[in-house]
N, C-alpha and C. Protein backbone atom coordinates (compact mmCIF):
# COMPACT_ATOMS: atom_id res chain seq x y z
N MET A 1 112.67 -16.87 110.69
CA MET A 1 111.59 -17.16 109.69
C MET A 1 111.46 -18.58 109.70
N ASN A 2 110.16 -18.98 109.62
CA ASN A 2 109.59 -20.25 109.39
C ASN A 2 109.33 -20.65 108.19
N ILE A 3 109.99 -21.46 107.47
CA ILE A 3 109.93 -22.05 105.98
C ILE A 3 109.48 -23.48 106.06
N THR A 4 108.36 -23.63 105.22
CA THR A 4 108.01 -25.16 105.03
C THR A 4 108.51 -25.57 103.54
N TYR A 5 109.00 -26.75 103.48
CA TYR A 5 109.33 -27.27 102.25
C TYR A 5 108.56 -28.51 101.96
N ARG A 6 107.98 -28.27 100.68
CA ARG A 6 106.93 -29.39 100.36
C ARG A 6 106.73 -29.47 98.81
N ARG A 7 106.18 -30.61 98.41
CA ARG A 7 105.99 -30.78 97.10
C ARG A 7 104.71 -29.77 96.52
N ALA A 8 104.98 -28.97 95.50
CA ALA A 8 103.93 -28.32 95.08
C ALA A 8 102.67 -28.92 94.51
N THR A 9 101.43 -28.14 94.66
CA THR A 9 100.16 -28.72 94.04
C THR A 9 99.81 -27.67 92.99
N GLU A 10 98.62 -28.05 92.44
CA GLU A 10 98.11 -27.52 91.41
C GLU A 10 97.82 -26.04 91.79
N ASN A 11 97.43 -25.80 93.10
CA ASN A 11 97.17 -24.42 93.70
C ASN A 11 98.41 -23.65 93.73
N ASP A 12 99.71 -24.10 93.67
CA ASP A 12 100.75 -23.44 93.83
C ASP A 12 101.25 -22.90 92.31
N PHE A 13 100.64 -23.43 91.25
CA PHE A 13 101.40 -23.32 89.89
C PHE A 13 101.31 -21.89 89.49
N GLU A 14 100.59 -20.91 89.92
CA GLU A 14 100.45 -19.44 89.80
C GLU A 14 102.00 -18.83 90.12
N SER A 15 102.08 -19.15 91.42
CA SER A 15 103.22 -18.66 92.21
C SER A 15 104.58 -19.35 91.59
N VAL A 16 104.53 -20.65 91.26
CA VAL A 16 105.64 -21.23 90.57
C VAL A 16 106.11 -20.60 89.22
N LEU A 17 104.98 -20.40 88.29
CA LEU A 17 105.27 -19.75 87.27
C LEU A 17 105.63 -18.25 87.34
N ASP A 18 105.16 -17.69 88.47
CA ASP A 18 105.85 -16.29 88.80
C ASP A 18 107.36 -16.30 88.95
N LEU A 19 107.68 -17.41 89.64
CA LEU A 19 109.11 -17.39 89.97
C LEU A 19 109.97 -18.02 88.79
N ILE A 20 109.41 -18.92 87.94
CA ILE A 20 109.85 -18.95 86.79
C ILE A 20 110.26 -17.98 85.83
N ASN A 21 109.28 -16.95 85.84
CA ASN A 21 109.39 -15.76 85.16
C ASN A 21 110.47 -14.94 85.55
N GLU A 22 110.42 -14.69 87.03
CA GLU A 22 111.57 -14.01 87.77
C GLU A 22 112.97 -14.62 87.35
N LEU A 23 113.20 -15.83 87.26
CA LEU A 23 114.38 -16.47 86.99
C LEU A 23 114.83 -16.08 85.47
N ALA A 24 113.71 -16.20 84.67
CA ALA A 24 114.05 -15.93 83.22
C ALA A 24 114.47 -14.48 83.03
N VAL A 25 113.90 -13.69 83.81
CA VAL A 25 114.24 -12.16 83.74
C VAL A 25 115.65 -12.09 84.16
N PHE A 26 116.04 -12.62 85.20
CA PHE A 26 117.17 -12.62 86.02
C PHE A 26 118.44 -13.14 84.78
N GLU A 27 117.81 -14.31 84.14
CA GLU A 27 118.99 -14.57 83.18
C GLU A 27 118.90 -14.17 81.69
N LYS A 28 118.27 -12.88 81.89
CA LYS A 28 118.15 -12.01 80.50
C LYS A 28 117.44 -12.76 79.46
N ALA A 29 116.28 -13.51 79.61
CA ALA A 29 115.61 -14.19 78.75
C ALA A 29 114.14 -14.27 79.14
N GLY A 30 113.54 -13.03 79.73
CA GLY A 30 112.25 -13.16 80.07
C GLY A 30 111.07 -13.47 79.03
N GLU A 31 111.52 -13.06 77.75
CA GLU A 31 110.42 -13.15 76.84
C GLU A 31 110.48 -14.61 76.28
N GLN A 32 111.31 -15.50 76.69
CA GLN A 32 111.33 -16.82 76.21
C GLN A 32 110.46 -17.72 76.94
N VAL A 33 109.85 -17.33 77.96
CA VAL A 33 109.01 -18.28 78.74
C VAL A 33 107.57 -17.95 78.06
N SER A 34 106.94 -19.24 77.82
CA SER A 34 105.76 -19.48 77.15
C SER A 34 104.81 -20.51 77.95
N ASN A 35 105.44 -20.90 78.99
CA ASN A 35 104.56 -21.88 79.75
C ASN A 35 103.51 -21.05 80.18
N THR A 36 102.43 -21.81 80.75
CA THR A 36 101.23 -21.19 81.34
C THR A 36 100.68 -22.26 82.63
N VAL A 37 100.01 -21.50 83.44
CA VAL A 37 99.35 -22.32 84.55
C VAL A 37 98.81 -23.52 83.86
N GLU A 38 97.81 -23.07 83.07
CA GLU A 38 97.07 -24.32 82.33
C GLU A 38 97.82 -25.44 81.76
N LYS A 39 99.06 -25.14 81.12
CA LYS A 39 99.96 -26.09 80.48
C LYS A 39 100.57 -26.96 81.68
N MET A 40 101.12 -26.31 82.68
CA MET A 40 101.53 -27.02 83.97
C MET A 40 100.45 -27.85 84.44
N LYS A 41 99.16 -27.57 84.58
CA LYS A 41 98.07 -28.36 84.99
C LYS A 41 97.98 -29.55 84.30
N THR A 42 97.90 -29.32 82.82
CA THR A 42 97.79 -30.56 82.08
C THR A 42 99.14 -31.44 81.95
N GLU A 43 100.24 -30.89 82.29
CA GLU A 43 101.60 -31.46 82.07
C GLU A 43 102.07 -31.84 83.35
N GLN A 44 101.43 -31.88 84.42
CA GLN A 44 102.02 -32.01 85.90
C GLN A 44 102.46 -33.26 86.07
N ASN A 45 102.12 -34.23 85.52
CA ASN A 45 102.76 -35.65 85.45
C ASN A 45 104.12 -35.49 85.02
N GLU A 46 104.61 -34.76 84.28
CA GLU A 46 105.85 -34.63 83.45
C GLU A 46 107.08 -34.28 84.56
N PHE A 47 106.70 -33.60 85.64
CA PHE A 47 107.59 -32.95 86.53
C PHE A 47 107.26 -32.90 88.01
N GLN A 48 108.12 -32.91 88.93
CA GLN A 48 108.01 -32.87 90.30
C GLN A 48 108.58 -31.25 90.66
N CYS A 49 107.84 -30.63 91.65
CA CYS A 49 108.21 -29.27 91.94
C CYS A 49 108.16 -29.18 93.71
N PHE A 50 109.14 -28.79 94.08
CA PHE A 50 109.20 -28.45 95.49
C PHE A 50 109.06 -27.00 95.73
N VAL A 51 108.52 -26.63 96.75
CA VAL A 51 108.35 -25.08 97.33
C VAL A 51 108.79 -24.88 98.47
N ALA A 52 109.32 -23.63 98.71
CA ALA A 52 109.58 -23.10 99.97
C ALA A 52 108.53 -22.08 100.33
N GLU A 53 107.80 -22.27 101.29
CA GLU A 53 106.51 -21.43 101.53
C GLU A 53 106.86 -20.80 103.11
N THR A 54 106.44 -19.65 103.20
CA THR A 54 106.52 -18.70 104.35
C THR A 54 105.48 -19.22 105.35
N GLU A 55 105.34 -18.67 106.52
CA GLU A 55 104.21 -19.06 107.44
C GLU A 55 103.16 -18.02 106.70
N THR A 56 103.07 -17.07 106.05
CA THR A 56 101.87 -16.34 105.49
C THR A 56 101.54 -16.93 104.00
N LYS A 57 102.14 -18.11 103.72
CA LYS A 57 101.80 -18.94 102.65
C LYS A 57 102.46 -18.14 101.33
N GLU A 58 103.39 -17.57 101.31
CA GLU A 58 104.05 -16.86 100.17
C GLU A 58 105.01 -17.92 99.79
N ILE A 59 105.08 -18.35 98.44
CA ILE A 59 106.00 -19.13 97.92
C ILE A 59 107.21 -18.32 97.48
N ILE A 60 108.40 -18.81 98.12
CA ILE A 60 109.49 -17.89 97.94
C ILE A 60 110.65 -18.48 97.14
N GLY A 61 110.48 -19.74 96.94
CA GLY A 61 111.35 -20.52 96.22
C GLY A 61 110.75 -21.87 95.63
N ILE A 62 111.49 -22.30 94.52
CA ILE A 62 111.11 -23.48 93.98
C ILE A 62 112.28 -24.19 93.47
N ALA A 63 112.13 -25.45 93.23
CA ALA A 63 113.12 -26.63 92.82
C ALA A 63 112.21 -27.60 91.88
N LEU A 64 112.29 -27.50 90.46
CA LEU A 64 111.35 -28.17 89.75
C LEU A 64 112.43 -29.05 88.85
N THR A 65 111.96 -30.34 88.89
CA THR A 65 112.70 -31.51 88.32
C THR A 65 111.82 -32.31 87.53
N TYR A 66 112.53 -33.27 86.88
CA TYR A 66 111.94 -34.44 86.27
C TYR A 66 112.88 -35.36 85.77
N ILE A 67 112.36 -36.59 85.66
CA ILE A 67 113.31 -37.73 85.25
C ILE A 67 113.58 -37.79 83.73
N ALA A 68 114.84 -38.09 83.48
CA ALA A 68 115.24 -38.06 82.30
C ALA A 68 116.02 -39.53 81.99
N TYR A 69 116.59 -39.66 80.80
CA TYR A 69 117.36 -40.80 80.72
C TYR A 69 118.60 -40.75 80.08
N SER A 70 119.60 -41.23 80.36
CA SER A 70 120.90 -41.20 79.85
C SER A 70 121.31 -42.39 79.11
N THR A 71 121.84 -42.63 78.07
CA THR A 71 122.32 -43.80 77.32
C THR A 71 123.54 -44.30 78.17
N TRP A 72 124.20 -43.56 78.99
CA TRP A 72 125.42 -43.89 79.66
C TRP A 72 125.02 -44.44 80.92
N VAL A 73 124.10 -43.87 81.70
CA VAL A 73 123.81 -44.40 83.09
C VAL A 73 122.45 -44.85 83.38
N GLY A 74 121.47 -44.65 82.43
CA GLY A 74 120.03 -44.85 82.60
C GLY A 74 119.28 -43.59 83.06
N ARG A 75 118.40 -43.79 84.12
CA ARG A 75 117.59 -42.75 84.73
C ARG A 75 118.36 -41.96 85.45
N PHE A 76 117.90 -40.56 85.34
CA PHE A 76 118.51 -39.54 85.99
C PHE A 76 117.48 -38.49 86.26
N LEU A 77 117.91 -37.60 87.31
CA LEU A 77 116.82 -36.54 87.83
C LEU A 77 117.52 -35.21 87.33
N TYR A 78 116.88 -34.50 86.43
CA TYR A 78 117.26 -33.34 85.84
C TYR A 78 116.65 -32.29 86.85
N LEU A 79 117.36 -31.22 87.20
CA LEU A 79 116.95 -30.00 88.19
C LEU A 79 116.73 -28.83 86.81
N GLU A 80 115.52 -28.71 86.49
CA GLU A 80 115.40 -27.52 85.55
C GLU A 80 115.49 -26.19 86.08
N ASP A 81 114.71 -25.91 87.24
CA ASP A 81 115.16 -24.72 87.83
C ASP A 81 115.19 -24.72 89.33
N LEU A 82 116.14 -23.83 89.81
CA LEU A 82 116.11 -23.61 91.35
C LEU A 82 116.21 -21.95 91.40
N ILE A 83 115.17 -21.59 92.04
CA ILE A 83 115.10 -20.16 92.41
C ILE A 83 114.46 -19.93 93.55
N VAL A 84 115.29 -18.61 94.24
CA VAL A 84 114.73 -18.19 95.62
C VAL A 84 114.61 -16.71 95.23
N LYS A 85 113.21 -16.11 95.76
CA LYS A 85 113.19 -14.69 95.61
C LYS A 85 114.42 -14.11 96.00
N GLU A 86 114.75 -12.86 95.36
CA GLU A 86 115.89 -12.07 95.68
C GLU A 86 115.92 -11.83 96.95
N LYS A 87 114.96 -11.31 97.63
CA LYS A 87 115.03 -10.63 98.93
C LYS A 87 115.23 -11.57 100.04
N TYR A 88 115.09 -12.98 99.65
CA TYR A 88 115.25 -14.33 100.64
C TYR A 88 116.47 -14.89 100.47
N ARG A 89 117.35 -14.58 99.50
CA ARG A 89 118.48 -15.28 99.14
C ARG A 89 119.48 -15.11 100.53
N GLY A 90 120.39 -15.96 100.52
CA GLY A 90 121.39 -16.04 101.71
C GLY A 90 120.84 -16.36 102.91
N ASN A 91 119.71 -16.98 103.00
CA ASN A 91 118.86 -17.58 104.32
C ASN A 91 118.99 -19.19 104.13
N LYS A 92 119.78 -19.80 103.28
CA LYS A 92 119.92 -21.24 103.23
C LYS A 92 118.65 -21.82 102.52
N ILE A 93 117.85 -21.16 101.92
CA ILE A 93 116.60 -21.71 101.30
C ILE A 93 116.88 -22.55 100.13
N GLY A 94 117.78 -22.21 99.22
CA GLY A 94 118.26 -22.97 98.06
C GLY A 94 118.87 -24.26 98.67
N GLY A 95 119.64 -24.26 99.48
CA GLY A 95 120.33 -25.44 100.08
C GLY A 95 119.22 -26.22 100.58
N ARG A 96 118.13 -25.86 101.14
CA ARG A 96 117.10 -26.94 101.82
C ARG A 96 116.26 -27.40 100.50
N LEU A 97 116.10 -26.57 99.39
CA LEU A 97 115.62 -27.02 98.22
C LEU A 97 116.22 -28.29 97.75
N ILE A 98 117.63 -27.83 97.54
CA ILE A 98 118.45 -29.03 96.92
C ILE A 98 118.20 -30.22 97.77
N ASN A 99 118.09 -29.99 99.18
CA ASN A 99 118.01 -31.28 99.84
C ASN A 99 116.78 -32.02 99.62
N GLU A 100 115.57 -31.41 99.27
CA GLU A 100 114.53 -31.97 98.65
C GLU A 100 114.60 -32.80 97.56
N VAL A 101 115.53 -32.12 96.51
CA VAL A 101 115.88 -32.71 95.04
C VAL A 101 116.74 -34.03 95.29
N PHE A 102 117.48 -34.07 96.44
CA PHE A 102 118.47 -35.27 96.59
C PHE A 102 117.69 -36.12 97.33
N LYS A 103 116.54 -35.84 98.09
CA LYS A 103 115.86 -36.76 98.81
C LYS A 103 114.96 -37.58 97.71
N LEU A 104 114.49 -36.97 96.78
CA LEU A 104 113.78 -37.44 95.56
C LEU A 104 114.74 -38.34 94.81
N ALA A 105 115.71 -37.79 94.53
CA ALA A 105 116.85 -38.60 93.67
C ALA A 105 117.27 -40.02 94.39
N GLN A 106 117.14 -39.99 95.70
CA GLN A 106 117.51 -41.31 96.51
C GLN A 106 116.38 -42.09 96.47
N GLU A 107 114.88 -41.48 96.49
CA GLU A 107 113.76 -42.26 96.53
C GLU A 107 113.59 -42.76 95.16
N GLU A 108 114.01 -42.23 94.09
CA GLU A 108 113.80 -42.66 92.70
C GLU A 108 114.92 -43.62 92.23
N LYS A 109 115.96 -43.63 93.19
CA LYS A 109 117.15 -44.52 92.96
C LYS A 109 117.65 -44.28 91.40
N VAL A 110 117.83 -42.98 91.12
CA VAL A 110 118.53 -42.52 89.84
C VAL A 110 120.03 -42.63 90.07
N GLU A 111 120.63 -42.60 88.87
CA GLU A 111 121.98 -42.93 88.69
C GLU A 111 122.82 -41.28 88.61
N ARG A 112 122.01 -40.29 88.55
CA ARG A 112 122.69 -38.99 88.42
C ARG A 112 121.54 -38.05 88.78
N VAL A 113 122.27 -36.76 89.21
CA VAL A 113 121.16 -35.41 89.36
C VAL A 113 122.14 -34.69 88.38
N ARG A 114 121.36 -33.97 87.57
CA ARG A 114 122.21 -32.95 86.51
C ARG A 114 121.43 -31.65 86.46
N TRP A 115 122.02 -30.59 86.30
CA TRP A 115 121.43 -29.39 85.94
C TRP A 115 122.48 -28.37 85.32
N GLN A 116 122.07 -27.20 84.85
CA GLN A 116 122.83 -26.29 84.25
C GLN A 116 122.95 -24.88 84.88
N VAL A 117 123.94 -24.31 84.64
CA VAL A 117 124.22 -22.98 85.38
C VAL A 117 124.91 -21.95 84.47
N LEU A 118 124.41 -20.83 84.32
CA LEU A 118 124.91 -19.81 83.45
C LEU A 118 126.44 -19.56 83.89
N ASP A 119 127.43 -19.31 82.86
CA ASP A 119 128.92 -18.99 83.27
C ASP A 119 129.01 -17.84 83.94
N TRP A 120 128.12 -16.90 84.03
CA TRP A 120 128.19 -15.59 84.73
C TRP A 120 127.56 -15.52 85.94
N ASN A 121 126.83 -16.60 86.24
CA ASN A 121 126.10 -16.59 87.51
C ASN A 121 127.01 -17.01 88.72
N LYS A 122 127.89 -16.14 89.21
CA LYS A 122 128.84 -16.58 90.02
C LYS A 122 128.40 -17.11 91.36
N ASP A 123 127.34 -16.37 91.93
CA ASP A 123 126.79 -16.85 93.12
C ASP A 123 126.25 -18.41 93.02
N ALA A 124 125.62 -18.67 92.11
CA ALA A 124 125.09 -20.01 91.89
C ALA A 124 126.11 -20.89 91.79
N ILE A 125 127.13 -20.57 91.12
CA ILE A 125 128.37 -21.35 90.77
C ILE A 125 129.18 -21.62 92.12
N GLU A 126 129.39 -20.54 92.98
CA GLU A 126 129.93 -20.71 94.30
C GLU A 126 129.30 -21.81 95.24
N PHE A 127 127.84 -21.59 95.04
CA PHE A 127 127.00 -22.37 95.89
C PHE A 127 127.19 -24.03 95.23
N TYR A 128 127.15 -23.93 94.28
CA TYR A 128 127.30 -25.53 93.67
C TYR A 128 128.61 -26.18 93.84
N LYS A 129 129.66 -25.39 93.86
CA LYS A 129 130.99 -25.68 94.33
C LYS A 129 131.11 -26.19 95.82
N LYS A 130 130.27 -25.43 96.65
CA LYS A 130 130.10 -25.63 98.06
C LYS A 130 129.73 -27.00 98.38
N ILE A 131 128.63 -27.37 97.41
CA ILE A 131 127.98 -28.73 97.75
C ILE A 131 128.72 -29.81 97.05
N ASN A 132 129.71 -29.43 96.44
CA ASN A 132 130.74 -30.55 95.83
C ASN A 132 130.10 -30.85 94.31
N ALA A 133 129.52 -30.13 93.68
CA ALA A 133 129.05 -30.47 92.33
C ALA A 133 130.13 -30.48 91.37
N ASN A 134 129.90 -31.29 90.37
CA ASN A 134 131.02 -31.35 89.35
C ASN A 134 130.53 -30.45 88.27
N ILE A 135 131.40 -29.24 88.22
CA ILE A 135 130.77 -28.39 87.15
C ILE A 135 131.56 -28.47 85.80
N ASP A 136 130.84 -28.86 84.86
CA ASP A 136 131.65 -29.22 83.52
C ASP A 136 131.55 -28.04 82.49
N LYS A 137 132.72 -27.62 82.37
CA LYS A 137 132.91 -26.55 81.26
C LYS A 137 133.21 -27.07 79.96
N GLU A 138 133.07 -28.15 79.63
CA GLU A 138 133.25 -28.86 78.16
C GLU A 138 132.07 -28.77 77.17
N TRP A 139 131.00 -28.94 77.59
CA TRP A 139 130.04 -29.35 76.77
C TRP A 139 129.20 -28.00 76.50
N TYR A 140 128.66 -28.04 75.35
CA TYR A 140 127.77 -26.85 74.82
C TYR A 140 126.30 -27.26 74.78
N ASN A 141 125.39 -26.36 74.96
CA ASN A 141 124.10 -26.51 75.03
C ASN A 141 123.61 -26.50 73.64
N CYS A 142 122.72 -27.26 73.18
CA CYS A 142 122.03 -27.21 71.81
C CYS A 142 120.59 -27.15 71.80
N ASP A 143 120.11 -26.17 71.42
CA ASP A 143 118.40 -26.04 71.52
C ASP A 143 117.92 -25.73 70.24
N PHE A 144 116.63 -26.14 70.07
CA PHE A 144 115.75 -25.74 68.90
C PHE A 144 114.44 -25.25 69.85
N ASP A 145 113.92 -24.18 69.54
CA ASP A 145 112.76 -23.62 70.23
C ASP A 145 111.65 -24.03 69.33
N LYS A 146 110.37 -23.94 69.71
CA LYS A 146 109.13 -24.42 68.93
C LYS A 146 109.14 -24.05 67.38
N LYS A 147 109.38 -22.66 67.20
CA LYS A 147 109.30 -22.20 65.76
C LYS A 147 110.62 -22.82 65.01
N ALA A 148 111.67 -22.88 65.57
CA ALA A 148 112.71 -23.92 64.92
C ALA A 148 112.36 -25.17 64.67
N ILE A 149 111.93 -25.69 65.48
CA ILE A 149 111.18 -27.28 65.46
C ILE A 149 110.22 -27.25 63.98
N GLU A 150 109.47 -26.35 64.12
CA GLU A 150 108.28 -26.36 62.99
C GLU A 150 109.01 -26.18 61.74
N SER A 151 109.87 -25.21 61.71
CA SER A 151 110.55 -25.00 60.34
C SER A 151 111.96 -25.86 60.03
N PHE A 152 112.14 -26.88 60.74
CA PHE A 152 113.28 -27.72 60.77
C PHE A 152 113.37 -28.22 59.24
N LYS A 153 114.52 -28.16 58.63
CA LYS A 153 114.65 -28.84 57.28
C LYS A 153 115.50 -30.16 57.57
N PHE A 154 114.55 -31.36 57.21
CA PHE A 154 115.21 -32.58 57.48
C PHE A 154 116.45 -32.69 56.69
N VAL A 155 117.24 -33.43 57.11
CA VAL A 155 118.61 -33.55 56.51
C VAL A 155 118.34 -34.97 55.58
């Protein structure tokens, strides 16, 4: 199988969003995706996305990142999503997408690369252990969705 790894373009956003939706369903949160291709086009300067593409031009994997800022270390790269279509898993596509993320981290001269993994996603956890990621079990995620932001009671 001949796979090309490259940065996504606007023309890829529909396939990228399909994979984002596939990941959300896998994570039992399919109804939470509100992103659209139009939003991605408008906000494309906010993120970088790498795609894995077959010789038939099918996008079978993505790694979507953005630059963030840590008060402790400064600029860092956040890996928002890494997804490979289920039927293509086990072919080192995720590893090659991670390579693209770390090339970007080196180019951007960031101080850290960070991402999250669900505690029940054992395959992903094993993969991240294999690449020597530090998996922190101490921190909790805190989130507000759009509706909660709009109804926030100021303290």
